[in-house]
Amino acid sequence: MAEAAVELSGWERALMAAEKVKERLSRATRALDSAGVRYAVAGGNAVAEWVGRVDEDAVRTTRDVDLLVRRDDLPKVRAVLEAAGFVYHQVLNVETFIDGPQGKPSGGVHLLFAGEKLRQSDDFPLPDLDQSERAVQFQVANLEALVQMKLMAYRRKDQVHLLDLLGVGLLDASWPARLPPPLGARLQQLLDDPNG
């Protein structure tokens, strides 16, 4: 006799989704490390790494994995990630690796290219891989590089990530002066009006 399907609560589904992202991050970075391919974790997972160093209760989950790589390494990155079970897709000019044939691009591994502008209209290119450091499990964008990327993107979720970094004391009033003027002004705006 077949077992009845167990219905999961929304909370249980959310926890499972967060675990899946963690597993994708771990699988992708272990594969790249094993192959000797340089990368740095960026985006929400990098914010979680930095915030978690100060206050694990302040960490937010994210739905995808962002990796900063060098464009010259794309063929090698693709081969390594495909060998780890990811499937290559290009979605809206973003190099994406979904988790198997049934994976979703929104929850995939997204590549960002070090030293290149994300959008033509950006004032600055993304940081280089030299602006990263080793965390316990993976290479991660250093705090200054991460802050600059979040200020360049400056979507609402990027602003929230910056507020999280401010909230645990990783950023303070001295930071705007350390950044190029348009980025420093954005951070100052968040400092002046965190609810804006």
C-alpha atoms as a PDB file:
ATOM      1  CA  MET A   1       0.000   0.000   0.000  1.00  0.00           C
ATOM      2  CA  ALA A   2       1.393   3.399  -1.009  1.00  0.00           C
ATOM      3  CA  GLU A   3       2.101   5.932   1.706  1.00  0.00           C
ATOM      4  CA  ALA A   4       0.007   9.085   1.732  1.00  0.00           C
ATOM      5  CA  ALA A   5       1.865  12.210   0.658  1.00  0.00           C
ATOM      6  CA  VAL A   6       2.923  14.323   3.602  1.00  0.00           C
ATOM      7  CA  GLU A   7       1.902  17.935   3.279  1.00  0.00           C
ATOM      8  CA  LEU A   8       4.561  20.387   4.372  1.00  0.00           C
ATOM      9  CA  SER A   9       3.835  23.719   5.979  1.00  0.00           C
ATOM     10  CA  GLY A  10       5.014  26.927   4.363  1.00  0.00           C
ATOM     11  CA  TRP A  11       7.645  27.239   7.092  1.00  0.00           C
ATOM     12  CA  GLU A  12       9.002  23.742   6.390  1.00  0.00           C
ATOM     13  CA  ARG A  13       9.108  24.470   2.666  1.00  0.00           C
ATOM     14  CA  ALA A  14      11.013  27.725   3.316  1.00  0.00           C
ATOM     15  CA  LEU A  15      13.574  25.872   5.439  1.00  0.00           C
ATOM     16  CA  MET A  16      13.986  23.223   2.743  1.00  0.00           C
ATOM     17  CA  ALA A  17      14.494  25.934   0.101  1.00  0.00           C
ATOM     18  CA  ALA A  18      17.208  27.580   2.225  1.00  0.00           C
ATOM     19  CA  GLU A  19      18.932  24.203   2.657  1.00  0.00           C
ATOM     20  CA  LYS A  20      18.839  23.638  -1.106  1.00  0.00           C
ATOM     21  CA  VAL A  21      20.563  26.989  -1.713  1.00  0.00           C
ATOM     22  CA  LYS A  22      23.195  26.110   0.879  1.00  0.00           C
ATOM     23  CA  GLU A  23      23.747  22.742  -0.806  1.00  0.00           C
ATOM     24  CA  ARG A  24      24.085  24.358  -4.266  1.00  0.00           C
ATOM     25  CA  LEU A  25      26.555  26.891  -2.906  1.00  0.00           C
ATOM     26  CA  SER A  26      28.595  24.170  -1.241  1.00  0.00           C
ATOM     27  CA  ARG A  27      28.550  21.851  -4.269  1.00  0.00           C
ATOM     28  CA  ALA A  28      29.530  24.622  -6.706  1.00  0.00           C
ATOM     29  CA  THR A  29      32.337  26.060  -4.580  1.00  0.00           C
ATOM     30  CA  ARG A  30      33.758  22.636  -3.649  1.00  0.00           C
ATOM     31  CA  ALA A  31      33.860  21.707  -7.335  1.00  0.00           C
ATOM     32  CA  LEU A  32      35.583  24.966  -8.291  1.00  0.00           C
ATOM     33  CA  ASP A  33      38.053  24.636  -5.410  1.00  0.00           C
ATOM     34  CA  SER A  34      38.857  21.042  -6.386  1.00  0.00           C
ATOM     35  CA  ALA A  35      39.483  22.117  -9.994  1.00  0.00           C
ATOM     36  CA  GLY A  36      41.633  25.078  -8.967  1.00  0.00           C
ATOM     37  CA  VAL A  37      39.298  27.614 -10.594  1.00  0.00           C
ATOM     38  CA  ARG A  38      39.350  31.046  -8.962  1.00  0.00           C
ATOM     39  CA  TYR A  39      36.031  32.548  -7.858  1.00  0.00           C
ATOM     40  CA  ALA A  40      34.483  34.568  -5.052  1.00  0.00           C
ATOM     41  CA  VAL A  41      31.039  34.163  -3.541  1.00  0.00           C
ATOM     42  CA  ALA A  42      29.068  37.396  -3.945  1.00  0.00           C
ATOM     43  CA  GLY A  43      25.456  38.493  -3.470  1.00  0.00           C
ATOM     44  CA  GLY A  44      23.214  37.376  -0.626  1.00  0.00           C
ATOM     45  CA  ASN A  45      25.418  34.442   0.368  1.00  0.00           C
ATOM     46  CA  ALA A  46      28.416  36.748   0.774  1.00  0.00           C
ATOM     47  CA  VAL A  47      26.292  39.081   2.910  1.00  0.00           C
ATOM     48  CA  ALA A  48      25.195  36.075   4.986  1.00  0.00           C
ATOM     49  CA  GLU A  49      28.843  35.033   5.457  1.00  0.00           C
ATOM     50  CA  TRP A  50      29.849  38.496   6.666  1.00  0.00           C
ATOM     51  CA  VAL A  51      26.777  39.087   8.855  1.00  0.00           C
ATOM     52  CA  GLY A  52      27.022  35.570  10.314  1.00  0.00           C
ATOM     53  CA  ARG A  53      30.557  36.277  11.522  1.00  0.00           C
ATOM     54  CA  VAL A  54      29.068  38.902  13.845  1.00  0.00           C
ATOM     55  CA  ASP A  55      25.501  37.739  14.591  1.00  0.00           C
ATOM     56  CA  GLU A  56      24.087  34.491  13.207  1.00  0.00           C
ATOM     57  CA  ASP A  57      20.584  35.589  14.239  1.00  0.00           C
ATOM     58  CA  ALA A  58      20.769  38.523  11.809  1.00  0.00           C
ATOM     59  CA  VAL A  59      21.435  36.366   8.719  1.00  0.00           C
ATOM     60  CA  ARG A  60      18.857  36.362   5.916  1.00  0.00           C
ATOM     61  CA  THR A  61      18.362  33.583   3.421  1.00  0.00           C
ATOM     62  CA  THR A  62      18.687  34.055  -0.312  1.00  0.00           C
ATOM     63  CA  ARG A  63      17.244  32.138  -3.230  1.00  0.00           C
ATOM     64  CA  ASP A  64      20.274  31.877  -5.517  1.00  0.00           C
ATOM     65  CA  VAL A  65      24.049  31.667  -5.645  1.00  0.00           C
ATOM     66  CA  ASP A  66      26.127  34.483  -7.160  1.00  0.00           C
ATOM     67  CA  LEU A  67      29.729  33.743  -8.074  1.00  0.00           C
ATOM     68  CA  LEU A  68      32.295  36.240  -9.286  1.00  0.00           C
ATOM     69  CA  VAL A  69      34.609  34.617 -11.852  1.00  0.00           C
ATOM     70  CA  ARG A  70      36.920  35.699 -14.651  1.00  0.00           C
ATOM     71  CA  ARG A  71      35.406  35.617 -18.137  1.00  0.00           C
ATOM     72  CA  ASP A  72      38.523  33.851 -19.462  1.00  0.00           C
ATOM     73  CA  ASP A  73      37.714  30.998 -17.079  1.00  0.00           C
ATOM     74  CA  LEU A  74      34.133  30.548 -18.339  1.00  0.00           C
ATOM     75  CA  PRO A  75      34.837  27.351 -20.344  1.00  0.00           C
ATOM     76  CA  LYS A  76      36.528  25.775 -17.327  1.00  0.00           C
ATOM     77  CA  VAL A  77      33.814  27.025 -14.923  1.00  0.00           C
ATOM     78  CA  ARG A  78      31.158  25.589 -17.212  1.00  0.00           C
ATOM     79  CA  ALA A  79      32.852  22.191 -17.426  1.00  0.00           C
ATOM     80  CA  VAL A  80      33.343  22.022 -13.645  1.00  0.00           C
ATOM     81  CA  LEU A  81      29.785  23.054 -12.777  1.00  0.00           C
ATOM     82  CA  GLU A  82      28.255  20.745 -15.368  1.00  0.00           C
ATOM     83  CA  ALA A  83      30.311  17.863 -13.945  1.00  0.00           C
ATOM     84  CA  ALA A  84      28.841  18.781 -10.528  1.00  0.00           C
ATOM     85  CA  GLY A  85      25.288  18.318 -11.866  1.00  0.00           C
ATOM     86  CA  PHE A  86      24.407  21.844 -12.944  1.00  0.00           C
ATOM     87  CA  VAL A  87      22.888  22.612 -16.350  1.00  0.00           C
ATOM     88  CA  TYR A  88      24.039  25.683 -18.281  1.00  0.00           C
ATOM     89  CA  HIS A  89      21.497  28.328 -19.320  1.00  0.00           C
ATOM     90  CA  GLN A  90      21.810  31.905 -20.428  1.00  0.00           C
ATOM     91  CA  VAL A  91      18.932  33.973 -19.079  1.00  0.00           C
ATOM     92  CA  LEU A  92      18.683  37.683 -19.953  1.00  0.00           C
ATOM     93  CA  ASN A  93      22.429  37.762 -20.726  1.00  0.00           C
ATOM     94  CA  VAL A  94      23.265  36.182 -17.363  1.00  0.00           C
ATOM     95  CA  GLU A  95      25.326  33.005 -17.406  1.00  0.00           C
ATOM     96  CA  THR A  96      23.264  30.699 -15.183  1.00  0.00           C
ATOM     97  CA  PHE A  97      23.574  27.110 -14.028  1.00  0.00           C
ATOM     98  CA  ILE A  98      20.376  25.476 -12.878  1.00  0.00           C
ATOM     99  CA  ASP A  99      20.299  22.521 -10.524  1.00  0.00           C
ATOM    100  CA  GLY A 100      19.616  19.662 -12.925  1.00  0.00           C
ATOM    101  CA  PRO A 101      17.138  19.589 -15.814  1.00  0.00           C
ATOM    102  CA  GLN A 102      14.198  20.531 -13.568  1.00  0.00           C
ATOM    103  CA  GLY A 103      16.002  23.412 -11.838  1.00  0.00           C
ATOM    104  CA  LYS A 104      14.804  27.002 -11.927  1.00  0.00           C
ATOM    105  CA  PRO A 105      16.986  29.866 -13.206  1.00  0.00           C
ATOM    106  CA  SER A 106      15.810  32.058 -10.318  1.00  0.00           C
ATOM    107  CA  GLY A 107      17.385  29.613  -7.864  1.00  0.00           C
ATOM    108  CA  GLY A 108      20.459  28.791  -9.909  1.00  0.00           C
ATOM    109  CA  VAL A 109      24.117  29.650  -9.801  1.00  0.00           C
ATOM    110  CA  HIS A 110      24.598  33.023 -11.505  1.00  0.00           C
ATOM    111  CA  LEU A 111      27.967  34.180 -12.777  1.00  0.00           C
ATOM    112  CA  LEU A 112      29.264  37.724 -12.511  1.00  0.00           C
ATOM    113  CA  PHE A 113      32.438  38.660 -14.354  1.00  0.00           C
ATOM    114  CA  ALA A 114      35.274  40.200 -12.375  1.00  0.00           C
ATOM    115  CA  GLY A 115      36.558  43.500 -13.720  1.00  0.00           C
ATOM    116  CA  GLU A 116      33.561  43.989 -16.042  1.00  0.00           C
ATOM    117  CA  LYS A 117      30.539  46.219 -15.742  1.00  0.00           C
ATOM    118  CA  LEU A 118      27.371  44.335 -14.915  1.00  0.00           C
ATOM    119  CA  ARG A 119      25.360  46.819 -16.998  1.00  0.00           C
ATOM    120  CA  GLN A 120      26.680  49.284 -19.590  1.00  0.00           C
ATOM    121  CA  SER A 121      25.217  52.137 -17.547  1.00  0.00           C
ATOM    122  CA  ASP A 122      27.195  51.238 -14.404  1.00  0.00           C
ATOM    123  CA  ASP A 123      29.788  53.738 -13.247  1.00  0.00           C
ATOM    124  CA  PHE A 124      32.250  51.067 -12.181  1.00  0.00           C
ATOM    125  CA  PRO A 125      33.241  47.512 -13.078  1.00  0.00           C
ATOM    126  CA  LEU A 126      32.751  44.632 -10.669  1.00  0.00           C
ATOM    127  CA  PRO A 127      35.719  43.994  -8.368  1.00  0.00           C
ATOM    128  CA  ASP A 128      38.574  41.698  -9.260  1.00  0.00           C
ATOM    129  CA  LEU A 129      39.020  38.314  -7.602  1.00  0.00           C
ATOM    130  CA  ASP A 130      41.990  39.722  -5.699  1.00  0.00           C
ATOM    131  CA  GLN A 131      39.384  41.566  -3.623  1.00  0.00           C
ATOM    132  CA  SER A 132      38.316  38.376  -1.866  1.00  0.00           C
ATOM    133  CA  GLU A 133      39.370  36.247   1.067  1.00  0.00           C
ATOM    134  CA  ARG A 134      39.047  32.691   2.256  1.00  0.00           C
ATOM    135  CA  ALA A 135      36.122  31.934   4.540  1.00  0.00           C
ATOM    136  CA  VAL A 136      35.884  28.545   6.235  1.00  0.00           C
ATOM    137  CA  GLN A 137      34.109  26.828   3.328  1.00  0.00           C
ATOM    138  CA  PHE A 138      34.677  29.034   0.286  1.00  0.00           C
ATOM    139  CA  GLN A 139      36.307  32.129  -1.175  1.00  0.00           C
ATOM    140  CA  VAL A 140      34.177  35.228  -0.526  1.00  0.00           C
ATOM    141  CA  ALA A 141      34.251  38.824  -1.749  1.00  0.00           C
ATOM    142  CA  ASN A 142      35.953  40.979   0.853  1.00  0.00           C
ATOM    143  CA  LEU A 143      33.759  43.454   2.699  1.00  0.00           C
ATOM    144  CA  GLU A 144      34.741  46.527   0.662  1.00  0.00           C
ATOM    145  CA  ALA A 145      34.174  44.720  -2.661  1.00  0.00           C
ATOM    146  CA  LEU A 146      30.821  43.387  -1.460  1.00  0.00           C
ATOM    147  CA  VAL A 147      29.681  46.818  -0.291  1.00  0.00           C
ATOM    148  CA  GLN A 148      30.666  48.345  -3.637  1.00  0.00           C
ATOM    149  CA  MET A 149      28.736  45.657  -5.562  1.00  0.00           C
ATOM    150  CA  LYS A 150      25.656  46.194  -3.412  1.00  0.00           C
ATOM    151  CA  LEU A 151      25.891  49.975  -3.873  1.00  0.00           C
ATOM    152  CA  MET A 152      26.303  49.594  -7.651  1.00  0.00           C
ATOM    153  CA  ALA A 153      23.228  47.356  -7.957  1.00  0.00           C
ATOM    154  CA  TYR A 154      21.280  49.357  -5.334  1.00  0.00           C
ATOM    155  CA  ARG A 155      17.983  47.512  -5.752  1.00  0.00           C
ATOM    156  CA  ARG A 156      15.774  47.326  -2.673  1.00  0.00           C
ATOM    157  CA  LYS A 157      17.234  43.935  -1.703  1.00  0.00           C
ATOM    158  CA  ASP A 158      20.749  45.370  -2.034  1.00  0.00           C
ATOM    159  CA  GLN A 159      19.761  48.253   0.237  1.00  0.00           C
ATOM    160  CA  VAL A 160      18.400  45.748   2.775  1.00  0.00           C
ATOM    161  CA  HIS A 161      21.658  43.786   2.607  1.00  0.00           C
ATOM    162  CA  LEU A 162      23.591  46.999   3.257  1.00  0.00           C
ATOM    163  CA  LEU A 163      21.304  47.774   6.201  1.00  0.00           C
ATOM    164  CA  ASP A 164      22.038  44.285   7.548  1.00  0.00           C
ATOM    165  CA  LEU A 165      25.781  45.004   7.344  1.00  0.00           C
ATOM    166  CA  LEU A 166      25.190  48.330   9.099  1.00  0.00           C
ATOM    167  CA  GLY A 167      22.969  46.681  11.707  1.00  0.00           C
ATOM    168  CA  VAL A 168      25.703  44.327  12.905  1.00  0.00           C
ATOM    169  CA  GLY A 169      28.343  47.072  12.931  1.00  0.00           C
ATOM    170  CA  LEU A 170      30.360  45.987   9.890  1.00  0.00           C
ATOM    171  CA  LEU A 171      29.694  49.395   8.303  1.00  0.00           C
ATOM    172  CA  ASP A 172      29.540  52.747  10.023  1.00  0.00           C
ATOM    173  CA  ALA A 173      29.581  56.489   9.362  1.00  0.00           C
ATOM    174  CA  SER A 174      33.232  56.381   8.255  1.00  0.00           C
ATOM    175  CA  TRP A 175      32.467  54.228   5.204  1.00  0.00           C
ATOM    176  CA  PRO A 176      30.976  56.780   2.749  1.00  0.00           C
ATOM    177  CA  ALA A 177      34.267  58.700   2.639  1.00  0.00           C
ATOM    178  CA  ARG A 178      36.125  55.464   1.737  1.00  0.00           C
ATOM    179  CA  LEU A 179      34.023  54.926  -1.390  1.00  0.00           C
ATOM    180  CA  PRO A 180      33.918  56.659  -4.791  1.00  0.00           C
ATOM    181  CA  PRO A 181      31.524  59.653  -4.651  1.00  0.00           C
ATOM    182  CA  PRO A 182      28.372  58.187  -6.209  1.00  0.00           C
ATOM    183  CA  LEU A 183      28.644  55.043  -4.098  1.00  0.00           C
ATOM    184  CA  GLY A 184      29.571  56.913  -0.937  1.00  0.00           C
ATOM    185  CA  ALA A 185      26.556  59.173  -1.438  1.00  0.00           C
ATOM    186  CA  ARG A 186      24.245  56.160  -1.705  1.00  0.00           C
ATOM    187  CA  LEU A 187      25.599  54.688   1.509  1.00  0.00           C
ATOM    188  CA  GLN A 188      25.301  58.054   3.234  1.00  0.00           C
ATOM    189  CA  GLN A 189      21.670  58.176   2.135  1.00  0.00           C
ATOM    190  CA  LEU A 190      21.052  54.822   3.833  1.00  0.00           C
ATOM    191  CA  LEU A 191      22.833  56.001   6.961  1.00  0.00           C
ATOM    192  CA  ASP A 192      20.757  59.190   7.046  1.00  0.00           C
ATOM    193  CA  ASP A 193      17.431  57.507   6.329  1.00  0.00           C
ATOM    194  CA  PRO A 194      17.457  53.712   6.780  1.00  0.00           C
ATOM    195  CA  ASN A 195      13.696  53.544   6.194  1.00  0.00           C
ATOM    196  CA  GLY A 196      13.758  55.633   3.005  1.00  0.00           C
END
